[in-house]
C-alpha atoms as a PDB file:
ATOM      1  CA  MET A   1      25.473   3.503  -0.220  1.00  0.00           C
ATOM      2  CA  ILE A   2      26.378   7.038   0.792  1.00  0.00           C
ATOM      3  CA  TYR A   3      23.512   9.397   1.548  1.00  0.00           C
ATOM      4  CA  GLN A   4      23.773  13.158   1.210  1.00  0.00           C
ATOM      5  CA  LEU A   5      21.843  15.028   3.901  1.00  0.00           C
ATOM      6  CA  ASN A   6      20.653  18.584   3.473  1.00  0.00           C
ATOM      7  CA  ALA A   7      19.713  21.370   5.877  1.00  0.00           C
ATOM      8  CA  ASP A   8      16.007  20.471   5.676  1.00  0.00           C
ATOM      9  CA  VAL A   9      16.590  16.987   7.084  1.00  0.00           C
ATOM     10  CA  ARG A  10      13.569  17.088   9.428  1.00  0.00           C
ATOM     11  CA  ASN A  11      11.021  18.579   7.000  1.00  0.00           C
ATOM     12  CA  PHE A  12      10.194  15.316   5.240  1.00  0.00           C
ATOM     13  CA  GLY A  13       9.871  13.461   8.539  1.00  0.00           C
ATOM     14  CA  LYS A  14       7.567  16.155   9.902  1.00  0.00           C
ATOM     15  CA  THR A  15       5.452  15.981   6.750  1.00  0.00           C
ATOM     16  CA  ILE A  16       5.079  12.195   7.024  1.00  0.00           C
ATOM     17  CA  SER A  17       4.304  12.471  10.745  1.00  0.00           C
ATOM     18  CA  GLN A  18       1.597  15.071  10.075  1.00  0.00           C
ATOM     19  CA  LEU A  19       0.029  13.212   7.142  1.00  0.00           C
ATOM     20  CA  SER A  20      -0.010   9.844   8.915  1.00  0.00           C
ATOM     21  CA  ASP A  21      -0.628  11.155  12.433  1.00  0.00           C
ATOM     22  CA  VAL A  22       2.253   8.917  13.554  1.00  0.00           C
ATOM     23  CA  ASP A  23       5.407  10.247  15.242  1.00  0.00           C
ATOM     24  CA  ILE A  24       8.142   8.649  13.147  1.00  0.00           C
ATOM     25  CA  TYR A  25      10.819   9.924  15.514  1.00  0.00           C
ATOM     26  CA  THR A  26       9.778   7.470  18.243  1.00  0.00           C
ATOM     27  CA  CYS A  27      11.282   4.652  16.142  1.00  0.00           C
ATOM     28  CA  TYR A  28      14.657   3.714  17.602  1.00  0.00           C
ATOM     29  CA  GLN A  29      15.606   1.118  14.972  1.00  0.00           C
ATOM     30  CA  CYS A  30      15.142  -2.069  17.001  1.00  0.00           C
ATOM     31  CA  GLY A  31      14.350  -3.990  13.800  1.00  0.00           C
ATOM     32  CA  LYS A  32      11.346  -5.931  15.118  1.00  0.00           C
ATOM     33  CA  CYS A  33       9.211  -4.601  12.249  1.00  0.00           C
ATOM     34  CA  THR A  34      11.660  -6.011   9.733  1.00  0.00           C
ATOM     35  CA  ALA A  35      12.035  -9.321  11.570  1.00  0.00           C
ATOM     36  CA  GLY A  36       8.277  -9.893  11.416  1.00  0.00           C
ATOM     37  CA  CYS A  37       7.597  -8.682   7.871  1.00  0.00           C
ATOM     38  CA  PRO A  38       6.403 -11.586   5.674  1.00  0.00           C
ATOM     39  CA  ILE A  39       7.574  -9.996   2.405  1.00  0.00           C
ATOM     40  CA  VAL A  40      10.762  -8.250   3.492  1.00  0.00           C
ATOM     41  CA  MET A  41      12.856 -10.389   1.130  1.00  0.00           C
ATOM     42  CA  GLU A  42      11.109  -8.758  -1.855  1.00  0.00           C
ATOM     43  CA  MET A  43      11.519  -5.169  -0.652  1.00  0.00           C
ATOM     44  CA  SER A  44      14.168  -2.736  -1.850  1.00  0.00           C
ATOM     45  CA  HIS A  45      14.480  -1.361   1.701  1.00  0.00           C
ATOM     46  CA  THR A  46      13.434  -3.056   4.918  1.00  0.00           C
ATOM     47  CA  PRO A  47      10.707  -1.371   7.005  1.00  0.00           C
ATOM     48  CA  ASN A  48      13.204  -0.110   9.587  1.00  0.00           C
ATOM     49  CA  GLN A  49      15.420   1.246   6.782  1.00  0.00           C
ATOM     50  CA  ILE A  50      12.436   3.161   5.395  1.00  0.00           C
ATOM     51  CA  MET A  51      11.793   4.583   8.862  1.00  0.00           C
ATOM     52  CA  ARG A  52      15.418   5.690   9.136  1.00  0.00           C
ATOM     53  CA  LEU A  53      15.430   7.203   5.643  1.00  0.00           C
ATOM     54  CA  ILE A  54      12.335   9.216   6.597  1.00  0.00           C
ATOM     55  CA  GLN A  55      14.018  10.354   9.817  1.00  0.00           C
ATOM     56  CA  LEU A  56      17.034  11.466   7.783  1.00  0.00           C
ATOM     57  CA  GLY A  57      14.810  13.403   5.387  1.00  0.00           C
ATOM     58  CA  LEU A  58      15.773  11.380   2.314  1.00  0.00           C
ATOM     59  CA  LYS A  59      12.533  11.939   0.451  1.00  0.00           C
ATOM     60  CA  GLU A  60      13.753  10.861  -3.001  1.00  0.00           C
ATOM     61  CA  ASP A  61      15.087   7.545  -1.704  1.00  0.00           C
ATOM     62  CA  VAL A  62      11.884   6.818   0.213  1.00  0.00           C
ATOM     63  CA  LEU A  63       9.394   7.779  -2.501  1.00  0.00           C
ATOM     64  CA  ASN A  64      11.393   5.966  -5.193  1.00  0.00           C
ATOM     65  CA  SER A  65      11.593   2.813  -3.069  1.00  0.00           C
ATOM     66  CA  LEU A  66       9.572  -0.254  -3.984  1.00  0.00           C
ATOM     67  CA  THR A  67       8.950  -1.002  -0.293  1.00  0.00           C
ATOM     68  CA  PRO A  68       5.782   1.079   0.301  1.00  0.00           C
ATOM     69  CA  TRP A  69       4.215  -0.442  -2.817  1.00  0.00           C
ATOM     70  CA  LEU A  70       4.973  -4.005  -1.752  1.00  0.00           C
ATOM     71  CA  CYS A  71       3.733  -3.557   1.817  1.00  0.00           C
ATOM     72  CA  ALA A  72       0.763  -5.879   2.305  1.00  0.00           C
ATOM     73  CA  ALA A  73      -0.590  -3.762   5.195  1.00  0.00           C
ATOM     74  CA  CYS A  74      -0.792  -6.914   7.324  1.00  0.00           C
ATOM     75  CA  GLU A  75       0.244  -4.763  10.312  1.00  0.00           C
ATOM     76  CA  THR A  76       2.686  -7.327  11.693  1.00  0.00           C
ATOM     77  CA  CYS A  77       5.259  -4.529  11.896  1.00  0.00           C
ATOM     78  CA  THR A  78       2.854  -2.293  13.795  1.00  0.00           C
ATOM     79  CA  THR A  79       1.916  -5.086  16.198  1.00  0.00           C
ATOM     80  CA  ARG A  80       5.547  -5.921  16.952  1.00  0.00           C
ATOM     81  CA  CYS A  81       6.770  -2.359  17.414  1.00  0.00           C
ATOM     82  CA  PRO A  82       7.642  -1.825  21.104  1.00  0.00           C
ATOM     83  CA  LYS A  83       7.035   1.927  20.706  1.00  0.00           C
ATOM     84  CA  GLY A  84       3.645   1.514  19.008  1.00  0.00           C
ATOM     85  CA  VAL A  85       4.703   3.114  15.726  1.00  0.00           C
ATOM     86  CA  ASP A  86       2.043   2.393  13.097  1.00  0.00           C
ATOM     87  CA  ILE A  87       4.442   1.507  10.286  1.00  0.00           C
ATOM     88  CA  ALA A  88       1.677   0.109   8.076  1.00  0.00           C
ATOM     89  CA  LYS A  89      -0.064   3.497   8.215  1.00  0.00           C
ATOM     90  CA  ILE A  90       3.199   5.204   7.296  1.00  0.00           C
ATOM     91  CA  MET A  91       3.605   2.898   4.279  1.00  0.00           C
ATOM     92  CA  ASP A  92       0.070   3.767   3.203  1.00  0.00           C
ATOM     93  CA  THR A  93       0.860   7.466   3.610  1.00  0.00           C
ATOM     94  CA  LEU A  94       4.003   7.035   1.505  1.00  0.00           C
ATOM     95  CA  ARG A  95       2.011   5.407  -1.322  1.00  0.00           C
ATOM     96  CA  ILE A  96      -0.496   8.259  -1.288  1.00  0.00           C
ATOM     97  CA  LEU A  97       2.228  10.922  -1.185  1.00  0.00           C
ATOM     98  CA  ALA A  98       4.240   9.241  -3.953  1.00  0.00           C
ATOM     99  CA  ARG A  99       1.222   9.198  -6.262  1.00  0.00           C
ATOM    100  CA  LYS A 100       0.213  12.732  -5.350  1.00  0.00           C
ATOM    101  CA  GLU A 101       3.701  14.038  -6.138  1.00  0.00           C
ATOM    102  CA  GLY A 102       4.003  12.061  -9.376  1.00  0.00           C
ATOM    103  CA  TYR A 103       6.495   9.388  -8.344  1.00  0.00           C
ATOM    104  CA  GLN A 104       6.165   6.232 -10.415  1.00  0.00           C
ATOM    105  CA  SER A 105       6.547   2.768  -8.934  1.00  0.00           C
ATOM    106  CA  LYS A 106       9.257   0.670 -10.530  1.00  0.00           C
ATOM    107  CA  GLU A 107       6.721  -2.155 -10.443  1.00  0.00           C
ATOM    108  CA  PRO A 108       3.609  -0.954 -12.332  1.00  0.00           C
ATOM    109  CA  ASN A 109       1.702  -4.179 -11.632  1.00  0.00           C
ATOM    110  CA  VAL A 110       1.727  -3.307  -7.926  1.00  0.00           C
ATOM    111  CA  VAL A 111       0.087   0.036  -8.710  1.00  0.00           C
ATOM    112  CA  ASN A 112      -2.412  -1.728 -10.999  1.00  0.00           C
ATOM    113  CA  PHE A 113      -3.270  -4.175  -8.223  1.00  0.00           C
ATOM    114  CA  ASN A 114      -3.715  -1.346  -5.716  1.00  0.00           C
ATOM    115  CA  ASP A 115      -6.025   0.566  -8.091  1.00  0.00           C
ATOM    116  CA  ILE A 116      -8.099  -2.501  -8.975  1.00  0.00           C
ATOM    117  CA  PHE A 117      -8.367  -3.503  -5.307  1.00  0.00           C
ATOM    118  CA  LEU A 118      -9.607  -0.061  -4.249  1.00  0.00           C
ATOM    119  CA  ASN A 119     -11.986   0.250  -7.213  1.00  0.00           C
ATOM    120  CA  CYS A 120     -13.472  -3.146  -6.376  1.00  0.00           C
ATOM    121  CA  ILE A 121     -14.184  -2.007  -2.827  1.00  0.00           C
ATOM    122  CA  LYS A 122     -15.538   1.341  -4.022  1.00  0.00           C
ATOM    123  CA  ASP A 123     -17.844  -0.188  -6.641  1.00  0.00           C
ATOM    124  CA  LYS A 124     -18.953  -3.347  -4.859  1.00  0.00           C
ATOM    125  CA  GLY A 125     -18.716  -2.322  -1.208  1.00  0.00           C
ATOM    126  CA  ARG A 126     -16.323  -5.153  -0.362  1.00  0.00           C
ATOM    127  CA  LEU A 127     -13.498  -7.165  -1.883  1.00  0.00           C
ATOM    128  CA  GLN A 128     -14.551  -9.834  -4.351  1.00  0.00           C
ATOM    129  CA  GLU A 129     -11.514 -11.930  -5.114  1.00  0.00           C
ATOM    130  CA  THR A 130     -12.831 -13.404  -8.378  1.00  0.00           C
ATOM    131  CA  HIS A 131     -13.474  -9.940  -9.790  1.00  0.00           C
ATOM    132  CA  LEU A 132     -10.089  -8.724  -8.533  1.00  0.00           C
ATOM    133  CA  ALA A 133      -8.201 -11.625 -10.153  1.00  0.00           C
ATOM    134  CA  MET A 134     -10.033 -11.360 -13.478  1.00  0.00           C
ATOM    135  CA  VAL A 135      -9.631  -7.590 -13.845  1.00  0.00           C
ATOM    136  CA  TYR A 136      -5.985  -7.718 -12.705  1.00  0.00           C
ATOM    137  CA  ASN A 137      -5.127 -10.473 -15.184  1.00  0.00           C
ATOM    138  CA  LEU A 138      -6.844  -8.569 -18.001  1.00  0.00           C
ATOM    139  CA  LYS A 139      -5.138  -5.278 -17.152  1.00  0.00           C
ATOM    140  CA  THR A 140      -1.691  -6.877 -16.875  1.00  0.00           C
ATOM    141  CA  ARG A 141      -2.299  -8.872 -20.074  1.00  0.00           C
ATOM    142  CA  GLN A 142      -1.878 -12.237 -18.333  1.00  0.00           C
ATOM    143  CA  PHE A 143      -5.142 -13.531 -19.749  1.00  0.00           C
ATOM    144  CA  PHE A 144      -4.853 -17.201 -18.768  1.00  0.00           C
ATOM    145  CA  LYS A 145      -2.629 -16.870 -15.691  1.00  0.00           C
ATOM    146  CA  ASP A 146      -5.130 -18.290 -13.178  1.00  0.00           C
ATOM    147  CA  ALA A 147      -7.488 -19.990 -15.624  1.00  0.00           C
ATOM    148  CA  ASP A 148      -6.640 -23.564 -14.608  1.00  0.00           C
ATOM    149  CA  ILE A 149      -7.009 -23.074 -10.862  1.00  0.00           C
ATOM    150  CA  GLY A 150      -9.974 -20.733 -11.388  1.00  0.00           C
ATOM    151  CA  ARG A 151     -11.805 -23.395 -13.371  1.00  0.00           C
ATOM    152  CA  LYS A 152     -11.170 -25.996 -10.663  1.00  0.00           C
ATOM    153  CA  LEU A 153     -12.385 -23.663  -7.905  1.00  0.00           C
ATOM    154  CA  PHE A 154     -15.471 -22.744  -9.939  1.00  0.00           C
ATOM    155  CA  MET A 155     -16.332 -26.399 -10.619  1.00  0.00           C
ATOM    156  CA  LYS A 156     -16.089 -27.174  -6.884  1.00  0.00           C
ATOM    157  CA  GLY A 157     -18.353 -24.222  -6.055  1.00  0.00           C
ATOM    158  CA  LYS A 158     -15.606 -22.381  -4.167  1.00  0.00           C
ATOM    159  CA  ILE A 159     -15.873 -19.240  -6.296  1.00  0.00           C
ATOM    160  CA  SER A 160     -18.659 -17.604  -8.257  1.00  0.00           C
ATOM    161  CA  LEU A 161     -18.629 -15.409 -11.329  1.00  0.00           C
ATOM    162  CA  SER A 162     -21.529 -13.358 -10.015  1.00  0.00           C
ATOM    163  CA  SER A 163     -21.296 -11.135  -7.000  1.00  0.00           C
ATOM    164  CA  ASP A 164     -23.671 -10.750  -4.099  1.00  0.00           C
ATOM    165  CA  LYS A 165     -25.380  -7.397  -3.799  1.00  0.00           C
ATOM    166  CA  ILE A 166     -24.665  -5.646  -0.541  1.00  0.00           C
ATOM    167  CA  LYS A 167     -26.256  -2.623   1.054  1.00  0.00           C
ATOM    168  CA  GLY A 168     -24.418   0.641   1.427  1.00  0.00           C
ATOM    169  CA  THR A 169     -22.437   0.799  -1.826  1.00  0.00           C
ATOM    170  CA  ASP A 170     -23.495   4.445  -2.206  1.00  0.00           C
ATOM    171  CA  ALA A 171     -22.019   5.184   1.220  1.00  0.00           C
ATOM    172  CA  MET A 172     -18.776   3.491   0.155  1.00  0.00           C
ATOM    173  CA  LYS A 173     -18.616   5.607  -3.010  1.00  0.00           C
ATOM    174  CA  SER A 174     -19.212   8.697  -0.883  1.00  0.00           C
ATOM    175  CA  ILE A 175     -16.258   7.780   1.347  1.00  0.00           C
ATOM    176  CA  PHE A 176     -14.017   7.463  -1.706  1.00  0.00           C
ATOM    177  CA  GLU A 177     -15.235  10.805  -3.102  1.00  0.00           C
ATOM    178  CA  ARG A 178     -14.527  12.553   0.207  1.00  0.00           C
ATOM    179  CA  SER A 179     -11.062  10.968   0.251  1.00  0.00           C
ATOM    180  CA  ARG A 180     -10.373  12.293  -3.240  1.00  0.00           C
ATOM    181  CA  ALA A 181     -11.536  15.756  -2.215  1.00  0.00           C
ATOM    182  CA  PHE A 182      -9.354  15.597   0.905  1.00  0.00           C
ATOM    183  CA  LEU A 183      -6.304  14.601  -1.132  1.00  0.00           C
ATOM    184  CA  GLY A 184      -7.126  17.267  -3.680  1.00  0.00           C
ATOM    185  CA  LYS A 185      -6.712  14.883  -6.572  1.00  0.00           C
ATOM    186  CA  GLY A 186      -8.657  12.279  -8.507  1.00  0.00           C
ATOM    187  CA  GLU A 187      -6.576   9.344  -7.265  1.00  0.00           C
END
């Protein structure tokens, strides 16, 4: 693929560096982030390719990429980086920026999962996998996708349909509200 660079090549990189508080220009393309990534084979660009595209100022390519949406935020890339670049934080920043600027993921189920995951944490104060799976399957219209294994886990007492009450859910909601205000949008 041939990339066309423009005169503002560093603006996008500076923006990402400021938003993430990570200096993306310290990445020297060693590839250790990509070598350690557990889902790299599903990505449209490898983590080090995303870093290079940011450095080159190729905003459209980066924000249209499936890679930030597929990133599991496991931080293997960050741990392996010899320069200490927090690539997982950059991927998170890219997801936020893409949504804020109206870019649509080519994989809407990834966006649905992200929204359901965050709403579960906001509403319940922590992740509850049973709730996450049920709401995700309903929203993606895969009504019986995990029904067989879910039934087996329920019968063995491994999962519950009810959730434990935890303290501090109001504080969690407050954190989410402040984040929305900071981003300037109801995301």
